[in-house]
Amino acid sequence: MSDCIFCRIVAGEIPSERIYEDSDHLAFMDIQPVNMGHVLVIPKDHYGCVAEMPEGAVARLFAVANRVALKVQEAVPSDGYILTVNNGQAAGQLVFHTHVHVIPRFRDDGLRHWGKREIGEGEIRGMAEKIREAMRS
């Protein structure tokens, strides 16, 4: 897609600090990193979000992302890492080409975790049943 920045990076039209590449994937440094060592891992084929990807492609993408994360953790070095995907605008996705963030984490790095909501046990049970039903269909 000519208007997709990540497709243009794959094509070599936009420079990037590539750290890994195979026939189906590319990993490169995020230019606005959350922490030093923040890497993006993408499929070379364009998928707007994870939901558009075939299941096997998702598995391969996460396998590559995890291998990259282990090497990032070794190189940085960090105390841990996050593998995350923002899937859709409401989830914070800014570039609509599937990508996995590999974000090194450090003790006391100041990053906050998600907040927690107070939800009643009955509401949790009801939502679980709706999800189980969706899983069966």
Protein backbone atom coordinates (compact mmCIF):
# COMPACT_ATOMS: atom_id res chain seq x y z
CA MET A 1 0.00 0.00 0.00
CA SER A 2 1.60 3.22 -1.17
CA ASP A 3 0.16 5.31 1.67
CA CYS A 4 1.26 2.93 4.46
CA ILE A 5 4.44 4.09 6.15
CA PHE A 6 5.37 0.54 7.20
CA CYS A 7 4.86 -0.81 3.66
CA ARG A 8 7.14 1.98 2.46
CA ILE A 9 9.74 0.99 5.08
CA VAL A 10 9.52 -2.63 3.86
CA ALA A 11 10.01 -1.41 0.27
CA GLY A 12 13.07 0.63 1.30
CA GLU A 13 11.42 3.93 0.36
CA ILE A 14 11.74 5.23 3.92
CA PRO A 15 14.94 4.61 5.89
CA SER A 16 14.83 2.63 9.11
CA GLU A 17 17.24 1.06 11.56
CA ARG A 18 16.56 -2.56 10.64
CA ILE A 19 17.61 -5.11 13.21
CA TYR A 20 16.08 -8.31 11.78
CA GLU A 21 14.61 -9.39 8.49
CA ASP A 22 13.42 -12.64 6.94
CA SER A 23 11.21 -13.35 3.94
CA ASP A 24 8.00 -12.50 5.84
CA HIS A 25 8.99 -10.13 8.68
CA LEU A 26 10.91 -6.98 9.43
CA ALA A 27 12.02 -5.64 12.81
CA PHE A 28 13.25 -2.06 13.16
CA MET A 29 13.80 0.56 15.82
CA ASP A 30 10.83 2.70 16.82
CA ILE A 31 11.66 6.36 16.12
CA GLN A 32 9.59 7.48 19.13
CA PRO A 33 10.62 4.86 21.68
CA VAL A 34 8.93 4.30 25.01
CA ASN A 35 12.27 3.06 26.36
CA MET A 36 15.69 2.65 24.78
CA GLY A 37 15.64 -0.51 22.66
CA HIS A 38 11.96 -0.19 21.62
CA VAL A 39 11.56 -2.24 18.42
CA LEU A 40 8.65 -2.80 16.05
CA VAL A 41 8.16 -6.20 14.45
CA ILE A 42 5.90 -6.30 11.39
CA PRO A 43 4.73 -8.74 8.77
CA LYS A 44 5.96 -7.63 5.36
CA ASP A 45 2.50 -8.28 3.95
CA HIS A 46 0.03 -5.52 4.77
CA TYR A 47 -2.65 -6.33 7.33
CA GLY A 48 -4.44 -3.40 8.93
CA CYS A 49 -4.71 -5.19 12.28
CA VAL A 50 -4.12 -8.59 13.84
CA ALA A 51 -7.77 -9.57 13.27
CA GLU A 52 -7.13 -9.48 9.51
CA MET A 53 -4.21 -11.93 9.70
CA PRO A 54 -4.45 -15.69 9.16
CA GLU A 55 -3.92 -17.56 12.42
CA GLY A 56 -0.65 -19.14 11.28
CA ALA A 57 0.73 -15.71 10.31
CA VAL A 58 -0.10 -14.38 13.78
CA ALA A 59 1.75 -17.30 15.38
CA ARG A 60 4.81 -16.73 13.18
CA LEU A 61 4.77 -12.97 13.87
CA PHE A 62 4.76 -13.52 17.63
CA ALA A 63 7.47 -16.18 17.37
CA VAL A 64 9.70 -13.65 15.58
CA ALA A 65 8.74 -10.90 18.04
CA ASN A 66 9.68 -13.09 20.99
CA ARG A 67 13.06 -14.02 19.44
CA VAL A 68 13.74 -10.34 18.81
CA ALA A 69 12.67 -9.46 22.36
CA LEU A 70 15.10 -11.95 23.88
CA LYS A 71 17.96 -10.42 21.88
CA VAL A 72 16.86 -6.87 22.73
CA GLN A 73 16.80 -7.81 26.42
CA GLU A 74 20.31 -9.23 26.08
CA ALA A 75 21.66 -6.21 24.17
CA VAL A 76 20.10 -3.41 26.23
CA PRO A 77 20.17 -5.14 28.94
CA SER A 78 16.77 -4.78 30.56
CA ASP A 79 14.95 -6.29 33.51
CA GLY A 80 12.08 -7.55 31.34
CA TYR A 81 10.09 -6.65 28.27
CA ILE A 82 6.58 -6.13 26.96
CA LEU A 83 5.23 -7.60 23.73
CA THR A 84 2.12 -5.66 22.82
CA VAL A 85 -0.19 -4.96 19.92
CA ASN A 86 -2.57 -2.02 19.78
CA ASN A 87 -5.41 -3.42 17.68
CA GLY A 88 -7.68 -0.63 16.43
CA GLN A 89 -7.87 3.10 16.99
CA ALA A 90 -9.61 2.79 20.37
CA ALA A 91 -6.68 0.66 21.56
CA GLY A 92 -4.16 3.31 20.53
CA GLN A 93 -3.17 1.96 17.11
CA LEU A 94 -1.70 4.85 15.11
CA VAL A 95 -0.25 3.03 12.10
CA PHE A 96 -2.75 0.66 10.52
CA HIS A 97 -0.28 -2.04 9.54
CA THR A 98 -0.07 -4.81 12.11
CA HIS A 99 2.94 -4.40 14.36
CA VAL A 100 4.19 -5.83 17.62
CA HIS A 101 5.93 -3.47 20.02
CA VAL A 102 8.94 -4.94 21.81
CA ILE A 103 9.47 -2.60 24.74
CA PRO A 104 12.32 -3.21 27.19
CA ARG A 105 11.34 -2.61 30.79
CA PHE A 106 13.53 -1.49 33.64
CA ARG A 107 12.86 -1.43 37.36
CA ASP A 108 11.62 2.04 38.24
CA ASP A 109 11.38 3.16 34.59
CA GLY A 110 8.29 5.19 35.42
CA LEU A 111 5.96 3.38 33.00
CA ARG A 112 2.58 2.74 34.50
CA HIS A 113 0.53 -0.40 34.26
CA TRP A 114 -3.13 -0.47 33.30
CA GLY A 115 -5.57 0.70 35.90
CA LYS A 116 -8.09 -1.64 37.41
CA ARG A 117 -11.86 -1.33 37.37
CA GLU A 118 -14.22 -2.39 40.10
CA ILE A 119 -16.58 -4.90 38.50
CA GLY A 120 -18.99 -7.10 40.39
CA GLU A 121 -18.64 -10.88 40.42
CA GLY A 122 -21.97 -11.29 38.63
CA GLU A 123 -20.86 -8.94 35.85
CA ILE A 124 -17.64 -10.90 35.39
CA ARG A 125 -19.55 -14.18 35.28
CA GLY A 126 -22.03 -12.73 32.75
CA MET A 127 -19.26 -11.44 30.50
CA ALA A 128 -17.45 -14.78 30.75
CA GLU A 129 -20.59 -16.54 29.53
CA LYS A 130 -20.91 -14.15 26.57
CA ILE A 131 -17.28 -14.77 25.62
CA ARG A 132 -17.67 -18.56 25.99
CA GLU A 133 -20.73 -18.40 23.73
CA ALA A 134 -18.79 -16.39 21.14
CA MET A 135 -15.96 -18.96 21.33
CA ARG A 136 -18.44 -21.77 20.51
CA SER A 137 -19.76 -20.06 17.39
